[in-house]
Amino acid sequence: VVPQFAETFRNFGSDLPAFTLFVLNISNFVQKWWFV
């Protein structure tokens, strides 16, 4: 779910809230290393 929102946020052109960036970083980490 989070990656779908991330695609939408890329078109905003403005800075994202810190909490949203924190969740996106967690999402990227989990997507990359979920198998590990």
PDB file of all heavy atoms in Angstrom:
ATOM      1  N   VAL A   1       0.824  -1.220   0.000  1.00  0.00           N
ATOM      2  CA  VAL A   1       0.000   0.000   0.000  1.00  0.00           C
ATOM      3  C   VAL A   1       0.852   1.262   0.000  1.00  0.00           C
ATOM      4  O   VAL A   1       0.621   2.182  -0.801  1.00  0.00           O
ATOM      5  CB  VAL A   1      -0.962   0.000   1.209  1.00  0.00           C
ATOM      6  CG1 VAL A   1      -1.786   1.288   1.236  1.00  0.00           C
ATOM      7  CG2 VAL A   1      -1.869  -1.226   1.168  1.00  0.00           C
ATOM      8  N   VAL A   2       1.839   1.307   0.888  1.00  0.00           N
ATOM      9  CA  VAL A   2       2.667   2.513   1.008  1.00  0.00           C
ATOM     10  C   VAL A   2       3.357   2.885  -0.304  1.00  0.00           C
ATOM     11  O   VAL A   2       3.407   4.075  -0.676  1.00  0.00           O
ATOM     12  CB  VAL A   2       3.684   2.350   2.162  1.00  0.00           C
ATOM     13  CG1 VAL A   2       4.665   3.526   2.188  1.00  0.00           C
ATOM     14  CG2 VAL A   2       2.957   2.235   3.493  1.00  0.00           C
ATOM     15  N   PRO A   3       3.909   1.926  -1.067  1.00  0.00           N
ATOM     16  CA  PRO A   3       4.534   2.295  -2.352  1.00  0.00           C
ATOM     17  C   PRO A   3       3.575   2.995  -3.320  1.00  0.00           C
ATOM     18  O   PRO A   3       4.009   3.859  -4.096  1.00  0.00           O
ATOM     19  CB  PRO A   3       4.990   0.945  -2.920  1.00  0.00           C
ATOM     20  CG  PRO A   3       5.201   0.076  -1.734  1.00  0.00           C
ATOM     21  CD  PRO A   3       4.146   0.502  -0.770  1.00  0.00           C
ATOM     22  N   GLN A   4       2.285   2.646  -3.285  1.00  0.00           N
ATOM     23  CA  GLN A   4       1.307   3.311  -4.156  1.00  0.00           C
ATOM     24  C   GLN A   4       1.149   4.778  -3.776  1.00  0.00           C
ATOM     25  O   GLN A   4       1.072   5.647  -4.643  1.00  0.00           O
ATOM     26  CB  GLN A   4      -0.049   2.590  -4.056  1.00  0.00           C
ATOM     27  CG  GLN A   4      -0.008   1.130  -4.481  1.00  0.00           C
ATOM     28  CD  GLN A   4       0.436   0.950  -5.915  1.00  0.00           C
ATOM     29  OE1 GLN A   4       0.074   1.738  -6.792  1.00  0.00           O
ATOM     30  NE2 GLN A   4       1.266  -0.065  -6.165  1.00  0.00           N
ATOM     31  N   PHE A   5       1.132   5.025  -2.476  1.00  0.00           N
ATOM     32  CA  PHE A   5       1.071   6.411  -2.025  1.00  0.00           C
ATOM     33  C   PHE A   5       2.362   7.151  -2.380  1.00  0.00           C
ATOM     34  O   PHE A   5       2.335   8.340  -2.725  1.00  0.00           O
ATOM     35  CB  PHE A   5       0.858   6.467  -0.501  1.00  0.00           C
ATOM     36  CG  PHE A   5      -0.568   6.296  -0.089  1.00  0.00           C
ATOM     37  CD1 PHE A   5      -1.095   5.045   0.173  1.00  0.00           C
ATOM     38  CD2 PHE A   5      -1.399   7.399   0.046  1.00  0.00           C
ATOM     39  CE1 PHE A   5      -2.404   4.884   0.559  1.00  0.00           C
ATOM     40  CE2 PHE A   5      -2.713   7.248   0.439  1.00  0.00           C
ATOM     41  CZ  PHE A   5      -3.228   5.983   0.694  1.00  0.00           C
ATOM     42  N   ALA A   6       3.491   6.451  -2.302  1.00  0.00           N
ATOM     43  CA  ALA A   6       4.777   7.078  -2.615  1.00  0.00           C
ATOM     44  C   ALA A   6       4.812   7.560  -4.059  1.00  0.00           C
ATOM     45  O   ALA A   6       5.358   8.645  -4.362  1.00  0.00           O
ATOM     46  CB  ALA A   6       5.915   6.094  -2.350  1.00  0.00           C
ATOM     47  N   GLU A   7       4.243   6.788  -4.986  1.00  0.00           N
ATOM     48  CA  GLU A   7       4.181   7.195  -6.388  1.00  0.00           C
ATOM     49  C   GLU A   7       3.372   8.475  -6.539  1.00  0.00           C
ATOM     50  O   GLU A   7       3.719   9.370  -7.328  1.00  0.00           O
ATOM     51  CB  GLU A   7       3.548   6.071  -7.219  1.00  0.00           C
ATOM     52  CG  GLU A   7       4.435   4.850  -7.407  1.00  0.00           C
ATOM     53  CD  GLU A   7       5.648   5.159  -8.255  1.00  0.00           C
ATOM     54  OE1 GLU A   7       5.562   6.033  -9.155  1.00  0.00           O
ATOM     55  OE2 GLU A   7       6.720   4.551  -8.007  1.00  0.00           O
ATOM     56  N   THR A   8       2.298   8.580  -5.781  1.00  0.00           N
ATOM     57  CA  THR A   8       1.454   9.783  -5.838  1.00  0.00           C
ATOM     58  C   THR A   8       2.193  10.994  -5.277  1.00  0.00           C
ATOM     59  O   THR A   8       2.103  12.109  -5.816  1.00  0.00           O
ATOM     60  CB  THR A   8       0.155   9.543  -5.051  1.00  0.00           C
ATOM     61  OG1 THR A   8      -0.480   8.358  -5.543  1.00  0.00           O
ATOM     62  CG2 THR A   8      -0.785  10.728  -5.177  1.00  0.00           C
ATOM     63  N   PHE A   9       2.952  10.768  -4.170  1.00  0.00           N
ATOM     64  CA  PHE A   9       3.631  11.879  -3.513  1.00  0.00           C
ATOM     65  C   PHE A   9       4.742  12.474  -4.387  1.00  0.00           C
ATOM     66  O   PHE A   9       5.095  13.651  -4.231  1.00  0.00           O
ATOM     67  CB  PHE A   9       4.234  11.422  -2.174  1.00  0.00           C
ATOM     68  CG  PHE A   9       3.209  10.986  -1.173  1.00  0.00           C
ATOM     69  CD1 PHE A   9       3.543  10.110  -0.144  1.00  0.00           C
ATOM     70  CD2 PHE A   9       1.892  11.435  -1.250  1.00  0.00           C
ATOM     71  CE1 PHE A   9       2.600   9.703   0.774  1.00  0.00           C
ATOM     72  CE2 PHE A   9       0.950  11.029  -0.336  1.00  0.00           C
ATOM     73  CZ  PHE A   9       1.301  10.164   0.674  1.00  0.00           C
ATOM     74  N   ARG A  10       5.322  11.702  -5.299  1.00  0.00           N
ATOM     75  CA  ARG A  10       6.416  12.193  -6.138  1.00  0.00           C
ATOM     76  C   ARG A  10       5.952  13.335  -7.048  1.00  0.00           C
ATOM     77  O   ARG A  10       6.761  14.136  -7.492  1.00  0.00           O
ATOM     78  CB  ARG A  10       6.980  11.053  -6.985  1.00  0.00           C
ATOM     79  CG  ARG A  10       7.816  10.053  -6.200  1.00  0.00           C
ATOM     80  CD  ARG A  10       8.608   9.133  -7.117  1.00  0.00           C
ATOM     81  NE  ARG A  10       9.363   8.146  -6.352  1.00  0.00           N
ATOM     82  CZ  ARG A  10       8.946   6.912  -6.103  1.00  0.00           C
ATOM     83  NH1 ARG A  10       7.765   6.518  -6.576  1.00  0.00           N
ATOM     84  NH2 ARG A  10       9.687   6.082  -5.398  1.00  0.00           N
ATOM     85  N   ASN A  11       4.677  13.401  -7.354  1.00  0.00           N
ATOM     86  CA  ASN A  11       4.143  14.435  -8.239  1.00  0.00           C
ATOM     87  C   ASN A  11       3.750  15.716  -7.496  1.00  0.00           C
ATOM     88  O   ASN A  11       3.325  16.674  -8.122  1.00  0.00           O
ATOM     89  CB  ASN A  11       2.910  13.899  -8.991  1.00  0.00           C
ATOM     90  CG  ASN A  11       3.250  12.670  -9.828  1.00  0.00           C
ATOM     91  OD1 ASN A  11       4.330  12.594 -10.396  1.00  0.00           O
ATOM     92  ND2 ASN A  11       2.321  11.715  -9.893  1.00  0.00           N
ATOM     93  N   PHE A  12       3.866  15.707  -6.179  1.00  0.00           N
ATOM     94  CA  PHE A  12       3.454  16.887  -5.414  1.00  0.00           C
ATOM     95  C   PHE A  12       4.428  18.045  -5.585  1.00  0.00           C
ATOM     96  O   PHE A  12       4.030  19.207  -5.623  1.00  0.00           O
ATOM     97  CB  PHE A  12       3.346  16.533  -3.924  1.00  0.00           C
ATOM     98  CG  PHE A  12       2.048  15.841  -3.582  1.00  0.00           C
ATOM     99  CD1 PHE A  12       1.188  15.400  -4.577  1.00  0.00           C
ATOM    100  CD2 PHE A  12       1.683  15.648  -2.253  1.00  0.00           C
ATOM    101  CE1 PHE A  12       0.000  14.760  -4.266  1.00  0.00           C
ATOM    102  CE2 PHE A  12       0.493  15.007  -1.936  1.00  0.00           C
ATOM    103  CZ  PHE A  12      -0.346  14.563  -2.947  1.00  0.00           C
ATOM    104  N   GLY A  13       5.712  17.711  -5.631  1.00  0.00           N
ATOM    105  CA  GLY A  13       6.717  18.755  -5.790  1.00  0.00           C
ATOM    106  C   GLY A  13       7.010  19.540  -4.538  1.00  0.00           C
ATOM    107  O   GLY A  13       7.752  20.510  -4.576  1.00  0.00           O
ATOM    108  N   SER A  14       6.413  19.177  -3.406  1.00  0.00           N
ATOM    109  CA  SER A  14       6.662  19.879  -2.146  1.00  0.00           C
ATOM    110  C   SER A  14       7.251  18.910  -1.131  1.00  0.00           C
ATOM    111  O   SER A  14       7.208  17.686  -1.317  1.00  0.00           O
ATOM    112  CB  SER A  14       5.358  20.467  -1.590  1.00  0.00           C
ATOM    113  OG  SER A  14       4.408  19.435  -1.371  1.00  0.00           O
ATOM    114  N   ASP A  15       7.806  19.480  -0.072  1.00  0.00           N
ATOM    115  CA  ASP A  15       8.415  18.639   0.962  1.00  0.00           C
ATOM    116  C   ASP A  15       7.342  17.846   1.709  1.00  0.00           C
ATOM    117  O   ASP A  15       6.266  18.377   2.032  1.00  0.00           O
ATOM    118  CB  ASP A  15       9.186  19.507   1.962  1.00  0.00           C
ATOM    119  CG  ASP A  15      10.378  20.177   1.299  1.00  0.00           C
ATOM    120  OD1 ASP A  15      10.878  19.604   0.300  1.00  0.00           O
ATOM    121  OD2 ASP A  15      10.787  21.247   1.780  1.00  0.00           O
ATOM    122  N   LEU A  16       7.670  16.596   1.983  1.00  0.00           N
ATOM    123  CA  LEU A  16       6.742  15.732   2.703  1.00  0.00           C
ATOM    124  C   LEU A  16       6.959  15.877   4.206  1.00  0.00           C
ATOM    125  O   LEU A  16       8.069  16.190   4.661  1.00  0.00           O
ATOM    126  CB  LEU A  16       6.954  14.272   2.298  1.00  0.00           C
ATOM    127  CG  LEU A  16       6.655  13.920   0.832  1.00  0.00           C
ATOM    128  CD1 LEU A  16       7.041  12.476   0.547  1.00  0.00           C
ATOM    129  CD2 LEU A  16       5.177  14.142   0.522  1.00  0.00           C
ATOM    130  N   PRO A  17       5.917  15.633   4.998  1.00  0.00           N
ATOM    131  CA  PRO A  17       6.069  15.681   6.468  1.00  0.00           C
ATOM    132  C   PRO A  17       7.099  14.649   6.945  1.00  0.00           C
ATOM    133  O   PRO A  17       7.297  13.595   6.323  1.00  0.00           O
ATOM    134  CB  PRO A  17       4.666  15.339   6.979  1.00  0.00           C
ATOM    135  CG  PRO A  17       3.741  15.617   5.841  1.00  0.00           C
ATOM    136  CD  PRO A  17       4.524  15.367   4.598  1.00  0.00           C
ATOM    137  N   ALA A  18       7.716  14.949   8.070  1.00  0.00           N
ATOM    138  CA  ALA A  18       8.762  14.073   8.607  1.00  0.00           C
ATOM    139  C   ALA A  18       8.225  12.675   8.915  1.00  0.00           C
ATOM    140  O   ALA A  18       8.889  11.657   8.661  1.00  0.00           O
ATOM    141  CB  ALA A  18       9.363  14.697   9.872  1.00  0.00           C
ATOM    142  N   PHE A  19       7.004  12.623   9.448  1.00  0.00           N
ATOM    143  CA  PHE A  19       6.415  11.325   9.794  1.00  0.00           C
ATOM    144  C   PHE A  19       6.188  10.475   8.542  1.00  0.00           C
ATOM    145  O   PHE A  19       6.442   9.268   8.530  1.00  0.00           O
ATOM    146  CB  PHE A  19       5.097  11.541  10.546  1.00  0.00           C
ATOM    147  CG  PHE A  19       4.486  10.278  11.081  1.00  0.00           C
ATOM    148  CD1 PHE A  19       5.266   9.294  11.681  1.00  0.00           C
ATOM    149  CD2 PHE A  19       3.128  10.043  10.971  1.00  0.00           C
ATOM    150  CE1 PHE A  19       4.711   8.132  12.164  1.00  0.00           C
ATOM    151  CE2 PHE A  19       2.555   8.886  11.453  1.00  0.00           C
ATOM    152  CZ  PHE A  19       3.346   7.920  12.057  1.00  0.00           C
ATOM    153  N   THR A  20       5.739  11.127   7.462  1.00  0.00           N
ATOM    154  CA  THR A  20       5.514  10.409   6.198  1.00  0.00           C
ATOM    155  C   THR A  20       6.836   9.905   5.626  1.00  0.00           C
ATOM    156  O   THR A  20       6.929   8.771   5.135  1.00  0.00           O
ATOM    157  CB  THR A  20       4.817  11.329   5.187  1.00  0.00           C
ATOM    158  OG1 THR A  20       3.597  11.799   5.753  1.00  0.00           O
ATOM    159  CG2 THR A  20       4.530  10.593   3.893  1.00  0.00           C
ATOM    160  N   LEU A  21       7.886  10.755   5.672  1.00  0.00           N
ATOM    161  CA  LEU A  21       9.203  10.326   5.197  1.00  0.00           C
ATOM    162  C   LEU A  21       9.735   9.140   6.004  1.00  0.00           C
ATOM    163  O   LEU A  21      10.351   8.223   5.449  1.00  0.00           O
ATOM    164  CB  LEU A  21      10.196  11.498   5.292  1.00  0.00           C
ATOM    165  CG  LEU A  21      10.008  12.619   4.269  1.00  0.00           C
ATOM    166  CD1 LEU A  21      10.914  13.797   4.596  1.00  0.00           C
ATOM    167  CD2 LEU A  21      10.278  12.100   2.856  1.00  0.00           C
ATOM    168  N   PHE A  22       9.488   9.179   7.311  1.00  0.00           N
ATOM    169  CA  PHE A  22       9.917   8.085   8.181  1.00  0.00           C
ATOM    170  C   PHE A  22       9.261   6.766   7.770  1.00  0.00           C
ATOM    171  O   PHE A  22       9.922   5.731   7.638  1.00  0.00           O
ATOM    172  CB  PHE A  22       9.577   8.431   9.637  1.00  0.00           C
ATOM    173  CG  PHE A  22       9.845   7.314  10.611  1.00  0.00           C
ATOM    174  CD1 PHE A  22      11.137   6.934  10.920  1.00  0.00           C
ATOM    175  CD2 PHE A  22       8.784   6.638  11.216  1.00  0.00           C
ATOM    176  CE1 PHE A  22      11.382   5.904  11.818  1.00  0.00           C
ATOM    177  CE2 PHE A  22       9.021   5.608  12.111  1.00  0.00           C
ATOM    178  CZ  PHE A  22      10.322   5.236  12.413  1.00  0.00           C
ATOM    179  N   VAL A  23       7.941   6.793   7.518  1.00  0.00           N
ATOM    180  CA  VAL A  23       7.211   5.592   7.107  1.00  0.00           C
ATOM    181  C   VAL A  23       7.672   5.120   5.728  1.00  0.00           C
ATOM    182  O   VAL A  23       7.815   3.921   5.474  1.00  0.00           O
ATOM    183  CB  VAL A  23       5.691   5.849   7.127  1.00  0.00           C
ATOM    184  CG1 VAL A  23       4.929   4.687   6.499  1.00  0.00           C
ATOM    185  CG2 VAL A  23       5.212   6.086   8.553  1.00  0.00           C
ATOM    186  N   LEU A  24       7.933   6.076   4.811  1.00  0.00           N
ATOM    187  CA  LEU A  24       8.407   5.704   3.472  1.00  0.00           C
ATOM    188  C   LEU A  24       9.775   5.036   3.526  1.00  0.00           C
ATOM    189  O   LEU A  24      10.043   4.080   2.780  1.00  0.00           O
ATOM    190  CB  LEU A  24       8.472   6.955   2.582  1.00  0.00           C
ATOM    191  CG  LEU A  24       7.123   7.529   2.135  1.00  0.00           C
ATOM    192  CD1 LEU A  24       7.337   8.820   1.361  1.00  0.00           C
ATOM    193  CD2 LEU A  24       6.365   6.522   1.284  1.00  0.00           C
ATOM    194  N   ASN A  25      10.640   5.522   4.400  1.00  0.00           N
ATOM    195  CA  ASN A  25      11.962   4.898   4.557  1.00  0.00           C
ATOM    196  C   ASN A  25      11.839   3.465   5.092  1.00  0.00           C
ATOM    197  O   ASN A  25      12.545   2.556   4.645  1.00  0.00           O
ATOM    198  CB  ASN A  25      12.836   5.730   5.487  1.00  0.00           C
ATOM    199  CG  ASN A  25      13.269   7.037   4.851  1.00  0.00           C
ATOM    200  OD1 ASN A  25      13.381   7.127   3.621  1.00  0.00           O
ATOM    201  ND2 ASN A  25      13.506   8.066   5.664  1.00  0.00           N
ATOM    202  N   ILE A  26      10.927   3.283   6.066  1.00  0.00           N
ATOM    203  CA  ILE A  26      10.681   1.929   6.586  1.00  0.00           C
ATOM    204  C   ILE A  26      10.156   1.030   5.475  1.00  0.00           C
ATOM    205  O   ILE A  26      10.574  -0.124   5.329  1.00  0.00           O
ATOM    206  CB  ILE A  26       9.694   1.970   7.773  1.00  0.00           C
ATOM    207  CG1 ILE A  26      10.302   2.699   8.961  1.00  0.00           C
ATOM    208  CG2 ILE A  26       9.285   0.550   8.175  1.00  0.00           C
ATOM    209  CD1 ILE A  26       9.356   2.871  10.130  1.00  0.00           C
ATOM    210  N   SER A  27       9.233   1.562   4.666  1.00  0.00           N
ATOM    211  CA  SER A  27       8.647   0.792   3.567  1.00  0.00           C
ATOM    212  C   SER A  27       9.713   0.380   2.554  1.00  0.00           C
ATOM    213  O   SER A  27       9.753  -0.775   2.109  1.00  0.00           O
ATOM    214  CB  SER A  27       7.561   1.603   2.872  1.00  0.00           C
ATOM    215  OG  SER A  27       7.061   0.927   1.743  1.00  0.00           O
ATOM    216  N   ASN A  28      10.591   1.314   2.211  1.00  0.00           N
ATOM    217  CA  ASN A  28      11.669   1.000   1.261  1.00  0.00           C
ATOM    218  C   ASN A  28      12.607  -0.079   1.817  1.00  0.00           C
ATOM    219  O   ASN A  28      13.043  -0.974   1.080  1.00  0.00           O
ATOM    220  CB  ASN A  28      12.471   2.264   0.937  1.00  0.00           C
ATOM    221  CG  ASN A  28      11.651   3.269   0.134  1.00  0.00           C
ATOM    222  OD1 ASN A  28      10.733   2.890  -0.596  1.00  0.00           O
ATOM    223  ND2 ASN A  28      11.960   4.555   0.299  1.00  0.00           N
ATOM    224  N   PHE A  29      12.901   0.031   3.099  1.00  0.00           N
ATOM    225  CA  PHE A  29      13.779  -0.961   3.734  1.00  0.00           C
ATOM    226  C   PHE A  29      13.137  -2.344   3.718  1.00  0.00           C
ATOM    227  O   PHE A  29      13.790  -3.344   3.394  1.00  0.00           O
ATOM    228  CB  PHE A  29      14.080  -0.528   5.166  1.00  0.00           C
ATOM    229  CG  PHE A  29      14.946  -1.500   5.920  1.00  0.00           C
ATOM    230  CD1 PHE A  29      16.310  -1.513   5.743  1.00  0.00           C
ATOM    231  CD2 PHE A  29      14.371  -2.417   6.807  1.00  0.00           C
ATOM    232  CE1 PHE A  29      17.109  -2.416   6.429  1.00  0.00           C
ATOM    233  CE2 PHE A  29      15.148  -3.320   7.496  1.00  0.00           C
ATOM    234  CZ  PHE A  29      16.533  -3.322   7.312  1.00  0.00           C
ATOM    235  N   VAL A  30      11.840  -2.396   4.083  1.00  0.00           N
ATOM    236  CA  VAL A  30      11.133  -3.685   4.123  1.00  0.00           C
ATOM    237  C   VAL A  30      11.024  -4.282   2.722  1.00  0.00           C
ATOM    238  O   VAL A  30      11.203  -5.497   2.537  1.00  0.00           O
ATOM    239  CB  VAL A  30       9.737  -3.519   4.764  1.00  0.00           C
ATOM    240  CG1 VAL A  30       8.922  -4.802   4.637  1.00  0.00           C
ATOM    241  CG2 VAL A  30       9.866  -3.125   6.231  1.00  0.00           C
ATOM    242  N   GLN A  31      10.733  -3.447   1.710  1.00  0.00           N
ATOM    243  CA  GLN A  31      10.643  -3.955   0.333  1.00  0.00           C
ATOM    244  C   GLN A  31      11.975  -4.531  -0.145  1.00  0.00           C
ATOM    245  O   GLN A  31      12.009  -5.544  -0.846  1.00  0.00           O
ATOM    246  CB  GLN A  31      10.224  -2.821  -0.607  1.00  0.00           C
ATOM    247  CG  GLN A  31       8.778  -2.389  -0.452  1.00  0.00           C
ATOM    248  CD  GLN A  31       8.466  -1.238  -1.394  1.00  0.00           C
ATOM    249  OE1 GLN A  31       8.380  -1.428  -2.592  1.00  0.00           O
ATOM    250  NE2 GLN A  31       8.321  -0.046  -0.849  1.00  0.00           N
ATOM    251  N   LYS A  32      13.056  -3.891   0.235  1.00  0.00           N
ATOM    252  CA  LYS A  32      14.374  -4.313  -0.236  1.00  0.00           C
ATOM    253  C   LYS A  32      14.889  -5.550   0.494  1.00  0.00           C
ATOM    254  O   LYS A  32      15.508  -6.427  -0.103  1.00  0.00           O
ATOM    255  CB  LYS A  32      15.353  -3.152  -0.066  1.00  0.00           C
ATOM    256  CG  LYS A  32      16.733  -3.428  -0.662  1.00  0.00           C
ATOM    257  CD  LYS A  32      17.640  -2.203  -0.511  1.00  0.00           C
ATOM    258  CE  LYS A  32      19.014  -2.475  -1.119  1.00  0.00           C
ATOM    259  NZ  LYS A  32      19.904  -1.294  -0.967  1.00  0.00           N
ATOM    260  N   TRP A  33      14.577  -5.640   1.814  1.00  0.00           N
ATOM    261  CA  TRP A  33      15.174  -6.690   2.638  1.00  0.00           C
ATOM    262  C   TRP A  33      14.147  -7.643   3.258  1.00  0.00           C
ATOM    263  O   TRP A  33      14.486  -8.353   4.214  1.00  0.00           O
ATOM    264  CB  TRP A  33      16.003  -6.051   3.769  1.00  0.00           C
ATOM    265  CG  TRP A  33      17.114  -5.177   3.285  1.00  0.00           C
ATOM    266  CD1 TRP A  33      17.122  -3.821   3.248  1.00  0.00           C
ATOM    267  CD2 TRP A  33      18.371  -5.608   2.757  1.00  0.00           C
ATOM    268  NE1 TRP A  33      18.304  -3.354   2.738  1.00  0.00           N
ATOM    269  CE2 TRP A  33      19.108  -4.443   2.424  1.00  0.00           C
ATOM    270  CE3 TRP A  33      18.957  -6.858   2.533  1.00  0.00           C
ATOM    271  CZ2 TRP A  33      20.376  -4.495   1.880  1.00  0.00           C
ATOM    272  CZ3 TRP A  33      20.221  -6.904   1.994  1.00  0.00           C
ATOM    273  CH2 TRP A  33      20.924  -5.742   1.681  1.00  0.00           C
ATOM    274  N   TRP A  34      12.923  -7.699   2.728  1.00  0.00           N
ATOM    275  CA  TRP A  34      11.885  -8.510   3.370  1.00  0.00           C
ATOM    276  C   TRP A  34      12.276  -9.986   3.467  1.00  0.00           C
ATOM    277  O   TRP A  34      11.979 -10.647   4.470  1.00  0.00           O
ATOM    278  CB  TRP A  34      10.555  -8.359   2.633  1.00  0.00           C
ATOM    279  CG  TRP A  34      10.523  -9.015   1.266  1.00  0.00           C
ATOM    280  CD1 TRP A  34      10.853  -8.469   0.081  1.00  0.00           C
ATOM    281  CD2 TRP A  34      10.149 -10.380   0.996  1.00  0.00           C
ATOM    282  NE1 TRP A  34      10.716  -9.378  -0.935  1.00  0.00           N
ATOM    283  CE2 TRP A  34      10.278 -10.559  -0.395  1.00  0.00           C
ATOM    284  CE3 TRP A  34       9.724 -11.456   1.773  1.00  0.00           C
ATOM    285  CZ2 TRP A  34       9.993 -11.776  -1.013  1.00  0.00           C
ATOM    286  CZ3 TRP A  34       9.431 -12.661   1.159  1.00  0.00           C
ATOM    287  CH2 TRP A  34       9.567 -12.813  -0.215  1.00  0.00           C
ATOM    288  N   PHE A  35      12.953 -10.491   2.439  1.00  0.00           N
ATOM    289  CA  PHE A  35      13.328 -11.906   2.452  1.00  0.00           C
ATOM    290  C   PHE A  35      14.364 -12.183   3.540  1.00  0.00           C
ATOM    291  O   PHE A  35      14.294 -13.206   4.245  1.00  0.00           O
ATOM    292  CB  PHE A  35      13.879 -12.307   1.082  1.00  0.00           C
ATOM    293  CG  PHE A  35      14.069 -13.786   0.916  1.00  0.00           C
ATOM    294  CD1 PHE A  35      12.975 -14.631   0.770  1.00  0.00           C
ATOM    295  CD2 PHE A  35      15.335 -14.347   0.927  1.00  0.00           C
ATOM    296  CE1 PHE A  35      13.135 -15.994   0.627  1.00  0.00           C
ATOM    297  CE2 PHE A  35      15.519 -15.711   0.777  1.00  0.00           C
ATOM    298  CZ  PHE A  35      14.413 -16.546   0.627  1.00  0.00           C
ATOM    299  N   VAL A  36      15.314 -11.261   3.684  1.00  0.00           N
ATOM    300  CA  VAL A  36      16.335 -11.405   4.730  1.00  0.00           C
ATOM    301  C   VAL A  36      15.693 -11.320   6.115  1.00  0.00           C
ATOM    302  O   VAL A  36      16.034 -12.081   7.029  1.00  0.00           O
ATOM    303  CB  VAL A  36      17.424 -10.321   4.571  1.00  0.00           C
ATOM    304  CG1 VAL A  36      18.432 -10.402   5.718  1.00  0.00           C
ATOM    305  CG2 VAL A  36      18.123 -10.464   3.230  1.00  0.00           C
TER     306      VAL A  36
END
